[in-house]
Amino acid sequence: MIDTHCHLLYDGIHERLERVLAEARTAGVSGFVTIATTTSDAVRGAALAGAHHDVWCTSGIHPLHAADPISWEDMHRAAQHPKCVAWGELGLDNHYADPPAALQTSVLEEQLTRIAAWRNEGLIKPIVIHCRRAVPQLLPILRASGLPADRFVFHCFTETADDARAVLDFGAWISFTGVVTFRSAPEVAAAAKLVPDDRIMCETDAPFLSPEPVRGARPCVPAYVMHTGLFLAALRGTSFDAFERTVDANARRFFSLPESVGRAAITDSASRLA
């Protein structure tokens, strides 16, 4: 299985990166997309991806980093790296009062404007969306950007089934983390049942949100994506092998990953985690 969203530069992972990657590969993880949250993060992520055959990266500014120093030149330069497969993560977060909503919105709209301009210049990539308690505010901004709806994925979806319907009606994809496994988040499990097979992905958001049965383990690591995959497969009434094939194909299609990624995954990875 491909971990479509992790933060390999974050504390808890970067200082023991080679061990984390090796353990994930043994568990059956065949690829990693390390996600930028600042423009300096994007530059470092591109360098990291360039040093590992099975790591890819993104370029963008997280809404909770809207007040951090921004280098649009660095964001553009990181996106030109051959292993940069998406913009983001970017979006809105209404869970926290800081940075203020107005600043988050301003930085989001500036990113979308620049992404649209760079797209017109030939730099065409999908977009990873961070959305926390902000679906009604965020969807109109994404529509106004003029960017294709099917090139957005709402990562770490923690909203309601009604919110999921709104995102799906817009035309975007949805990705789930270990939160979907939490007994305290039945609304997320309900949302996960609604997503069509051709628009669902699976991730860890490592080092955050370790899934059941390892909830509370710190840090969350990419190997744990297998636990979330097992849960989602059972929730959606399919076998783990079939679900793994589906989400790997989706990840390859959305991020334009090589066709070989995911095909050589360890076949008994589910039993290794049992």
C-alpha atoms as a PDB file:
ATOM      1  CA  MET A   1       0.000   0.000   0.000  1.00  0.00           C
ATOM      2  CA  ILE A   2       1.142   3.552  -0.751  1.00  0.00           C
ATOM      3  CA  ASP A   3       1.133   6.060   2.122  1.00  0.00           C
ATOM      4  CA  THR A   4      -0.239   9.030   0.192  1.00  0.00           C
ATOM      5  CA  HIS A   5       0.295  11.588   2.973  1.00  0.00           C
ATOM      6  CA  CYS A   6       3.036  11.615   5.591  1.00  0.00           C
ATOM      7  CA  HIS A   7       5.472  14.170   6.993  1.00  0.00           C
ATOM      8  CA  LEU A   8       8.898  12.569   6.831  1.00  0.00           C
ATOM      9  CA  LEU A   9      10.633  15.803   7.876  1.00  0.00           C
ATOM     10  CA  TYR A  10       8.760  16.139  11.160  1.00  0.00           C
ATOM     11  CA  ASP A  11      10.206  15.431  14.604  1.00  0.00           C
ATOM     12  CA  GLY A  12       9.863  11.800  15.577  1.00  0.00           C
ATOM     13  CA  ILE A  13      10.537  10.622  12.035  1.00  0.00           C
ATOM     14  CA  HIS A  14      13.296  12.611  10.326  1.00  0.00           C
ATOM     15  CA  GLU A  15      15.937  11.832  12.952  1.00  0.00           C
ATOM     16  CA  ARG A  16      15.475   8.071  12.339  1.00  0.00           C
ATOM     17  CA  LEU A  17      14.194   8.228   8.785  1.00  0.00           C
ATOM     18  CA  GLU A  18      16.041   5.256   7.311  1.00  0.00           C
ATOM     19  CA  ARG A  19      14.745   2.941  10.029  1.00  0.00           C
ATOM     20  CA  VAL A  20      11.177   4.273   9.631  1.00  0.00           C
ATOM     21  CA  LEU A  21      11.269   3.718   5.875  1.00  0.00           C
ATOM     22  CA  ALA A  22      12.792   0.252   6.214  1.00  0.00           C
ATOM     23  CA  GLU A  23      10.156  -0.845   8.732  1.00  0.00           C
ATOM     24  CA  ALA A  24       7.377   0.495   6.509  1.00  0.00           C
ATOM     25  CA  ARG A  25       8.717  -1.354   3.470  1.00  0.00           C
ATOM     26  CA  THR A  26       8.830  -4.586   5.495  1.00  0.00           C
ATOM     27  CA  ALA A  27       5.203  -4.037   6.528  1.00  0.00           C
ATOM     28  CA  GLY A  28       4.188  -3.729   2.872  1.00  0.00           C
ATOM     29  CA  VAL A  29       4.333   0.016   2.200  1.00  0.00           C
ATOM     30  CA  SER A  30       5.584   0.499  -1.350  1.00  0.00           C
ATOM     31  CA  GLY A  31       5.654   4.296  -1.651  1.00  0.00           C
ATOM     32  CA  PHE A  32       5.567   7.479   0.395  1.00  0.00           C
ATOM     33  CA  VAL A  33       4.361  10.999  -0.424  1.00  0.00           C
ATOM     34  CA  THR A  34       5.955  13.426   2.045  1.00  0.00           C
ATOM     35  CA  ILE A  35       3.846  16.565   2.340  1.00  0.00           C
ATOM     36  CA  ALA A  36       5.042  20.154   2.620  1.00  0.00           C
ATOM     37  CA  THR A  37       3.508  22.578   5.113  1.00  0.00           C
ATOM     38  CA  THR A  38       5.781  25.599   4.477  1.00  0.00           C
ATOM     39  CA  THR A  39       7.793  26.782   1.489  1.00  0.00           C
ATOM     40  CA  SER A  40      11.068  25.927   3.230  1.00  0.00           C
ATOM     41  CA  ASP A  41       9.585  22.492   3.991  1.00  0.00           C
ATOM     42  CA  ALA A  42       8.877  22.087   0.275  1.00  0.00           C
ATOM     43  CA  VAL A  43      12.530  22.638  -0.656  1.00  0.00           C
ATOM     44  CA  ARG A  44      13.719  20.143   1.959  1.00  0.00           C
ATOM     45  CA  GLY A  45      11.065  17.636   0.897  1.00  0.00           C
ATOM     46  CA  ALA A  46      12.230  17.786  -2.709  1.00  0.00           C
ATOM     47  CA  ALA A  47      15.784  17.023  -1.613  1.00  0.00           C
ATOM     48  CA  LEU A  48      14.577  14.106   0.513  1.00  0.00           C
ATOM     49  CA  ALA A  49      12.500  12.664  -2.327  1.00  0.00           C
ATOM     50  CA  GLY A  50      15.446  12.959  -4.659  1.00  0.00           C
ATOM     51  CA  ALA A  51      17.498  10.784  -2.315  1.00  0.00           C
ATOM     52  CA  HIS A  52      14.987   7.884  -2.070  1.00  0.00           C
ATOM     53  CA  HIS A  53      13.582   5.861  -4.950  1.00  0.00           C
ATOM     54  CA  ASP A  54      10.169   5.337  -3.328  1.00  0.00           C
ATOM     55  CA  VAL A  55       9.567   8.819  -1.846  1.00  0.00           C
ATOM     56  CA  TRP A  56       7.747  11.665  -3.594  1.00  0.00           C
ATOM     57  CA  CYS A  57       6.959  15.170  -2.344  1.00  0.00           C
ATOM     58  CA  THR A  58       4.631  18.195  -2.601  1.00  0.00           C
ATOM     59  CA  SER A  59       4.929  21.981  -2.452  1.00  0.00           C
ATOM     60  CA  GLY A  60       2.573  24.270  -0.545  1.00  0.00           C
ATOM     61  CA  ILE A  61       1.610  26.170   2.598  1.00  0.00           C
ATOM     62  CA  HIS A  62      -0.570  24.670   5.342  1.00  0.00           C
ATOM     63  CA  PRO A  63      -3.243  27.069   6.658  1.00  0.00           C
ATOM     64  CA  LEU A  64      -1.819  26.867  10.184  1.00  0.00           C
ATOM     65  CA  HIS A  65       1.494  28.129   8.762  1.00  0.00           C
ATOM     66  CA  ALA A  66      -0.090  31.096   6.986  1.00  0.00           C
ATOM     67  CA  ALA A  67       1.779  33.513   9.259  1.00  0.00           C
ATOM     68  CA  ASP A  68       5.173  31.882   8.609  1.00  0.00           C
ATOM     69  CA  PRO A  69       7.689  33.410   6.176  1.00  0.00           C
ATOM     70  CA  ILE A  70       6.669  32.600   2.585  1.00  0.00           C
ATOM     71  CA  SER A  71       8.923  32.357  -0.457  1.00  0.00           C
ATOM     72  CA  TRP A  72       6.822  31.994  -3.586  1.00  0.00           C
ATOM     73  CA  GLU A  73      10.049  31.431  -5.498  1.00  0.00           C
ATOM     74  CA  ASP A  74      10.867  28.426  -3.278  1.00  0.00           C
ATOM     75  CA  MET A  75       7.338  27.035  -3.679  1.00  0.00           C
ATOM     76  CA  HIS A  76       7.663  27.290  -7.463  1.00  0.00           C
ATOM     77  CA  ARG A  77      11.195  25.892  -7.505  1.00  0.00           C
ATOM     78  CA  ALA A  78      10.309  22.886  -5.319  1.00  0.00           C
ATOM     79  CA  ALA A  79       7.349  22.107  -7.579  1.00  0.00           C
ATOM     80  CA  GLN A  80       9.674  21.856 -10.561  1.00  0.00           C
ATOM     81  CA  HIS A  81      11.553  18.946  -8.983  1.00  0.00           C
ATOM     82  CA  PRO A  82      10.858  15.752 -10.993  1.00  0.00           C
ATOM     83  CA  LYS A  83       9.616  13.952  -7.862  1.00  0.00           C
ATOM     84  CA  CYS A  84       7.203  16.701  -6.769  1.00  0.00           C
ATOM     85  CA  VAL A  85       3.788  15.205  -7.515  1.00  0.00           C
ATOM     86  CA  ALA A  86       1.306  17.724  -6.048  1.00  0.00           C
ATOM     87  CA  TRP A  87       0.650  21.136  -4.560  1.00  0.00           C
ATOM     88  CA  GLY A  88      -0.176  21.382  -0.866  1.00  0.00           C
ATOM     89  CA  GLU A  89      -1.135  20.834   1.647  1.00  0.00           C
ATOM     90  CA  LEU A  90      -3.248  23.986   1.565  1.00  0.00           C
ATOM     91  CA  GLY A  91      -6.723  24.962   2.711  1.00  0.00           C
ATOM     92  CA  LEU A  92      -8.545  26.253   5.790  1.00  0.00           C
ATOM     93  CA  ASP A  93      -8.610  25.203   9.451  1.00  0.00           C
ATOM     94  CA  ASN A  94     -11.422  26.526  11.661  1.00  0.00           C
ATOM     95  CA  HIS A  95     -10.440  24.401  14.640  1.00  0.00           C
ATOM     96  CA  TYR A  96      -7.873  26.997  15.750  1.00  0.00           C
ATOM     97  CA  ALA A  97      -8.322  30.756  16.075  1.00  0.00           C
ATOM     98  CA  ASP A  98      -4.716  31.455  15.079  1.00  0.00           C
ATOM     99  CA  PRO A  99      -3.732  32.221  12.379  1.00  0.00           C
ATOM    100  CA  PRO A 100      -6.884  34.308  11.857  1.00  0.00           C
ATOM    101  CA  ALA A 101      -9.352  33.071   9.261  1.00  0.00           C
ATOM    102  CA  ALA A 102      -8.792  36.161   7.125  1.00  0.00           C
ATOM    103  CA  LEU A 103      -5.053  35.453   6.881  1.00  0.00           C
ATOM    104  CA  GLN A 104      -5.620  31.767   6.141  1.00  0.00           C
ATOM    105  CA  THR A 105      -8.028  32.723   3.361  1.00  0.00           C
ATOM    106  CA  SER A 106      -5.658  35.301   1.907  1.00  0.00           C
ATOM    107  CA  VAL A 107      -2.754  32.832   1.737  1.00  0.00           C
ATOM    108  CA  LEU A 108      -5.020  30.122   0.311  1.00  0.00           C
ATOM    109  CA  GLU A 109      -6.348  32.384  -2.437  1.00  0.00           C
ATOM    110  CA  GLU A 110      -2.832  33.564  -3.295  1.00  0.00           C
ATOM    111  CA  GLN A 111      -1.654  29.960  -3.612  1.00  0.00           C
ATOM    112  CA  LEU A 112      -4.575  29.024  -5.849  1.00  0.00           C
ATOM    113  CA  THR A 113      -4.004  32.062  -8.048  1.00  0.00           C
ATOM    114  CA  ARG A 114      -0.337  31.201  -8.457  1.00  0.00           C
ATOM    115  CA  ILE A 115      -1.075  27.511  -9.024  1.00  0.00           C
ATOM    116  CA  ALA A 116      -3.523  28.451 -11.778  1.00  0.00           C
ATOM    117  CA  ALA A 117      -0.924  30.724 -13.404  1.00  0.00           C
ATOM    118  CA  TRP A 118       1.791  28.060 -13.158  1.00  0.00           C
ATOM    119  CA  ARG A 119      -0.662  25.530 -14.579  1.00  0.00           C
ATOM    120  CA  ASN A 120      -1.140  27.765 -17.614  1.00  0.00           C
ATOM    121  CA  GLU A 121       2.652  27.735 -17.991  1.00  0.00           C
ATOM    122  CA  GLY A 122       2.639  23.921 -18.072  1.00  0.00           C
ATOM    123  CA  LEU A 123       3.292  23.081 -14.391  1.00  0.00           C
ATOM    124  CA  ILE A 124       0.222  20.892 -13.891  1.00  0.00           C
ATOM    125  CA  LYS A 125      -0.226  19.030 -10.597  1.00  0.00           C
ATOM    126  CA  PRO A 126      -3.094  17.873  -8.363  1.00  0.00           C
ATOM    127  CA  ILE A 127      -3.744  19.636  -5.061  1.00  0.00           C
ATOM    128  CA  VAL A 128      -3.787  18.220  -1.509  1.00  0.00           C
ATOM    129  CA  ILE A 129      -6.394  19.991   0.631  1.00  0.00           C
ATOM    130  CA  HIS A 130      -6.379  20.483   4.406  1.00  0.00           C
ATOM    131  CA  CYS A 131      -9.926  21.138   5.596  1.00  0.00           C
ATOM    132  CA  ARG A 132     -10.926  21.126   9.244  1.00  0.00           C
ATOM    133  CA  ARG A 133     -14.431  22.267  10.121  1.00  0.00           C
ATOM    134  CA  ALA A 134     -14.391  24.451   7.002  1.00  0.00           C
ATOM    135  CA  VAL A 135     -16.171  22.639   4.167  1.00  0.00           C
ATOM    136  CA  PRO A 136     -18.845  25.361   3.621  1.00  0.00           C
ATOM    137  CA  GLN A 137     -16.195  28.107   3.497  1.00  0.00           C
ATOM    138  CA  LEU A 138     -13.660  26.197   1.447  1.00  0.00           C
ATOM    139  CA  LEU A 139     -15.694  24.752  -1.428  1.00  0.00           C
ATOM    140  CA  PRO A 140     -16.733  28.164  -2.865  1.00  0.00           C
ATOM    141  CA  ILE A 141     -13.074  29.274  -2.859  1.00  0.00           C
ATOM    142  CA  LEU A 142     -12.002  26.138  -4.702  1.00  0.00           C
ATOM    143  CA  ARG A 143     -14.814  26.583  -7.240  1.00  0.00           C
ATOM    144  CA  ALA A 144     -13.822  30.212  -7.804  1.00  0.00           C
ATOM    145  CA  SER A 145     -10.224  29.185  -8.520  1.00  0.00           C
ATOM    146  CA  GLY A 146     -11.271  27.638 -11.828  1.00  0.00           C
ATOM    147  CA  LEU A 147      -8.999  24.656 -11.156  1.00  0.00           C
ATOM    148  CA  PRO A 148     -10.426  21.211 -12.035  1.00  0.00           C
ATOM    149  CA  ALA A 149     -12.448  19.778  -9.148  1.00  0.00           C
ATOM    150  CA  ASP A 150     -11.196  16.245  -9.789  1.00  0.00           C
ATOM    151  CA  ARG A 151      -7.621  17.376  -9.128  1.00  0.00           C
ATOM    152  CA  PHE A 152      -8.316  18.089  -5.438  1.00  0.00           C
ATOM    153  CA  VAL A 153      -8.087  15.524  -2.628  1.00  0.00           C
ATOM    154  CA  PHE A 154      -9.438  16.340   0.836  1.00  0.00           C
ATOM    155  CA  HIS A 155      -6.842  14.627   2.993  1.00  0.00           C
ATOM    156  CA  CYS A 156      -7.333  13.370   6.566  1.00  0.00           C
ATOM    157  CA  PHE A 157     -11.095  13.650   6.225  1.00  0.00           C
ATOM    158  CA  THR A 158     -12.633  14.136   9.679  1.00  0.00           C
ATOM    159  CA  GLU A 159     -15.951  15.718   8.743  1.00  0.00           C
ATOM    160  CA  THR A 160     -19.509  14.376   8.552  1.00  0.00           C
ATOM    161  CA  ALA A 161     -21.220  12.253   5.931  1.00  0.00           C
ATOM    162  CA  ASP A 162     -23.082  15.369   4.737  1.00  0.00           C
ATOM    163  CA  ASP A 163     -19.753  17.154   4.302  1.00  0.00           C
ATOM    164  CA  ALA A 164     -18.439  14.153   2.376  1.00  0.00           C
ATOM    165  CA  ARG A 165     -21.441  14.336   0.040  1.00  0.00           C
ATOM    166  CA  ALA A 166     -20.734  18.027  -0.561  1.00  0.00           C
ATOM    167  CA  VAL A 167     -17.084  17.301  -1.378  1.00  0.00           C
ATOM    168  CA  LEU A 168     -18.038  14.428  -3.674  1.00  0.00           C
ATOM    169  CA  ASP A 169     -20.720  16.516  -5.399  1.00  0.00           C
ATOM    170  CA  PHE A 170     -18.052  19.158  -6.000  1.00  0.00           C
ATOM    171  CA  GLY A 171     -16.019  16.452  -7.726  1.00  0.00           C
ATOM    172  CA  ALA A 172     -13.025  16.044  -5.397  1.00  0.00           C
ATOM    173  CA  TRP A 173     -11.403  12.954  -3.904  1.00  0.00           C
ATOM    174  CA  ILE A 174     -11.323  12.010  -0.190  1.00  0.00           C
ATOM    175  CA  SER A 175      -8.504  10.387   1.807  1.00  0.00           C
ATOM    176  CA  PHE A 176      -8.687   8.819   5.267  1.00  0.00           C
ATOM    177  CA  THR A 177      -6.218   8.507   8.143  1.00  0.00           C
ATOM    178  CA  GLY A 178      -6.310   6.489  11.343  1.00  0.00           C
ATOM    179  CA  VAL A 179      -9.096   8.757  12.619  1.00  0.00           C
ATOM    180  CA  VAL A 180     -11.543   6.580  10.674  1.00  0.00           C
ATOM    181  CA  THR A 181     -10.648   3.682  12.996  1.00  0.00           C
ATOM    182  CA  PHE A 182     -11.449   5.607  16.196  1.00  0.00           C
ATOM    183  CA  ARG A 183     -14.557   4.529  18.097  1.00  0.00           C
ATOM    184  CA  SER A 184     -15.038   8.194  18.959  1.00  0.00           C
ATOM    185  CA  ALA A 185     -15.374   9.164  15.280  1.00  0.00           C
ATOM    186  CA  PRO A 186     -18.375   7.243  13.899  1.00  0.00           C
ATOM    187  CA  GLU A 187     -19.186  10.162  11.589  1.00  0.00           C
ATOM    188  CA  VAL A 188     -15.869   9.656   9.789  1.00  0.00           C
ATOM    189  CA  ALA A 189     -16.581   5.945   9.310  1.00  0.00           C
ATOM    190  CA  ALA A 190     -20.013   6.869   7.927  1.00  0.00           C
ATOM    191  CA  ALA A 191     -18.352   9.254   5.479  1.00  0.00           C
ATOM    192  CA  ALA A 192     -15.874   6.555   4.416  1.00  0.00           C
ATOM    193  CA  LYS A 193     -18.728   4.288   3.331  1.00  0.00           C
ATOM    194  CA  LEU A 194     -19.948   6.917   0.857  1.00  0.00           C
ATOM    195  CA  VAL A 195     -16.812   7.498  -1.192  1.00  0.00           C
ATOM    196  CA  PRO A 196     -16.778   5.779  -4.603  1.00  0.00           C
ATOM    197  CA  ASP A 197     -14.026   3.249  -5.228  1.00  0.00           C
ATOM    198  CA  ASP A 198     -12.400   5.505  -7.816  1.00  0.00           C
ATOM    199  CA  ARG A 199     -12.095   8.526  -5.486  1.00  0.00           C
ATOM    200  CA  ILE A 200     -10.793   7.117  -2.181  1.00  0.00           C
ATOM    201  CA  MET A 201      -7.239   7.068  -0.834  1.00  0.00           C
ATOM    202  CA  CYS A 202      -5.530   5.977   2.374  1.00  0.00           C
ATOM    203  CA  GLU A 203      -2.794   7.689   4.417  1.00  0.00           C
ATOM    204  CA  THR A 204      -1.220   8.056   7.841  1.00  0.00           C
ATOM    205  CA  ASP A 205      -0.546  11.812   8.209  1.00  0.00           C
ATOM    206  CA  ALA A 206       2.465  10.524  10.184  1.00  0.00           C
ATOM    207  CA  PRO A 207       3.691  11.463  12.755  1.00  0.00           C
ATOM    208  CA  PHE A 208       0.090  12.136  13.849  1.00  0.00           C
ATOM    209  CA  LEU A 209      -3.066  10.061  14.405  1.00  0.00           C
ATOM    210  CA  SER A 210      -1.928   6.476  14.951  1.00  0.00           C
ATOM    211  CA  PRO A 211      -4.841   4.153  14.075  1.00  0.00           C
ATOM    212  CA  GLU A 212      -6.374   1.349  16.076  1.00  0.00           C
ATOM    213  CA  PRO A 213      -5.022  -1.072  17.229  1.00  0.00           C
ATOM    214  CA  VAL A 214      -1.951   1.102  17.913  1.00  0.00           C
ATOM    215  CA  ARG A 215      -3.828   4.282  18.795  1.00  0.00           C
ATOM    216  CA  GLY A 216      -1.743   6.408  21.130  1.00  0.00           C
ATOM    217  CA  ALA A 217       1.569   5.182  19.718  1.00  0.00           C
ATOM    218  CA  ARG A 218       3.900   8.123  19.133  1.00  0.00           C
ATOM    219  CA  PRO A 219       4.966   8.893  16.571  1.00  0.00           C
ATOM    220  CA  CYS A 220       2.560   7.467  14.039  1.00  0.00           C
ATOM    221  CA  VAL A 221       4.714   5.991  11.254  1.00  0.00           C
ATOM    222  CA  PRO A 222       3.993   5.112   7.606  1.00  0.00           C
ATOM    223  CA  ALA A 223       3.908   1.374   8.398  1.00  0.00           C
ATOM    224  CA  TYR A 224       0.615   2.015  10.186  1.00  0.00           C
ATOM    225  CA  VAL A 225      -1.147   2.802   6.901  1.00  0.00           C
ATOM    226  CA  MET A 226      -1.717  -0.952   6.676  1.00  0.00           C
ATOM    227  CA  HIS A 227      -3.915  -0.851   9.806  1.00  0.00           C
ATOM    228  CA  THR A 228      -6.079   1.894   8.327  1.00  0.00           C
ATOM    229  CA  GLY A 229      -6.306  -0.038   5.063  1.00  0.00           C
ATOM    230  CA  LEU A 230      -7.451  -3.175   6.871  1.00  0.00           C
ATOM    231  CA  PHE A 231     -10.147  -1.214   8.721  1.00  0.00           C
ATOM    232  CA  LEU A 232     -11.410   0.552   5.593  1.00  0.00           C
ATOM    233  CA  ALA A 233     -11.553  -2.691   3.643  1.00  0.00           C
ATOM    234  CA  ALA A 234     -13.701  -4.338   6.330  1.00  0.00           C
ATOM    235  CA  LEU A 235     -15.859  -1.211   6.693  1.00  0.00           C
ATOM    236  CA  ARG A 236     -16.535  -1.139   2.962  1.00  0.00           C
ATOM    237  CA  GLY A 237     -17.198  -4.884   2.746  1.00  0.00           C
ATOM    238  CA  THR A 238     -14.275  -5.897   0.596  1.00  0.00           C
ATOM    239  CA  SER A 239     -11.108  -7.921   1.000  1.00  0.00           C
ATOM    240  CA  PHE A 240      -7.896  -6.236   2.045  1.00  0.00           C
ATOM    241  CA  ASP A 241      -6.151  -7.332  -1.158  1.00  0.00           C
ATOM    242  CA  ALA A 242      -8.899  -5.847  -3.332  1.00  0.00           C
ATOM    243  CA  PHE A 243      -8.940  -2.611  -1.353  1.00  0.00           C
ATOM    244  CA  GLU A 244      -5.157  -2.328  -1.481  1.00  0.00           C
ATOM    245  CA  ARG A 245      -5.207  -2.741  -5.262  1.00  0.00           C
ATOM    246  CA  THR A 246      -7.923  -0.085  -5.536  1.00  0.00           C
ATOM    247  CA  VAL A 247      -6.259   2.588  -3.420  1.00  0.00           C
ATOM    248  CA  ASP A 248      -2.828   1.959  -4.928  1.00  0.00           C
ATOM    249  CA  ALA A 249      -4.280   2.368  -8.432  1.00  0.00           C
ATOM    250  CA  ASN A 250      -6.018   5.544  -7.282  1.00  0.00           C
ATOM    251  CA  ALA A 251      -2.800   6.935  -5.806  1.00  0.00           C
ATOM    252  CA  ARG A 252      -0.880   6.195  -8.991  1.00  0.00           C
ATOM    253  CA  ARG A 253      -3.563   7.881 -11.085  1.00  0.00           C
ATOM    254  CA  PHE A 254      -4.025  10.947  -8.877  1.00  0.00           C
ATOM    255  CA  PHE A 255      -0.334  11.648  -8.228  1.00  0.00           C
ATOM    256  CA  SER A 256       0.957  10.306 -11.575  1.00  0.00           C
ATOM    257  CA  LEU A 257       3.205   7.823  -9.785  1.00  0.00           C
ATOM    258  CA  PRO A 258       5.039   5.117 -11.735  1.00  0.00           C
ATOM    259  CA  GLU A 259       2.927   2.101 -12.648  1.00  0.00           C
ATOM    260  CA  SER A 260       5.336  -0.167 -10.750  1.00  0.00           C
ATOM    261  CA  VAL A 261       4.577   1.451  -7.367  1.00  0.00           C
ATOM    262  CA  GLY A 262       2.323  -0.789  -5.305  1.00  0.00           C
ATOM    263  CA  ARG A 263       2.533  -3.726  -7.701  1.00  0.00           C
ATOM    264  CA  ALA A 264       5.363  -5.385  -5.771  1.00  0.00           C
ATOM    265  CA  ALA A 265       3.808  -4.941  -2.320  1.00  0.00           C
ATOM    266  CA  ILE A 266       4.211  -7.820   0.109  1.00  0.00           C
ATOM    267  CA  THR A 267       1.162 -10.055  -0.283  1.00  0.00           C
ATOM    268  CA  ASP A 268       0.983 -11.252   3.293  1.00  0.00           C
ATOM    269  CA  SER A 269       1.223  -7.775   4.858  1.00  0.00           C
ATOM    270  CA  ALA A 270      -2.206  -8.145   6.455  1.00  0.00           C
ATOM    271  CA  SER A 271      -1.135 -11.288   8.299  1.00  0.00           C
ATOM    272  CA  ARG A 272       2.069  -9.591   9.431  1.00  0.00           C
ATOM    273  CA  LEU A 273      -0.035  -6.989  11.234  1.00  0.00           C
ATOM    274  CA  ALA A 274      -2.613  -9.391  12.654  1.00  0.00           C
END
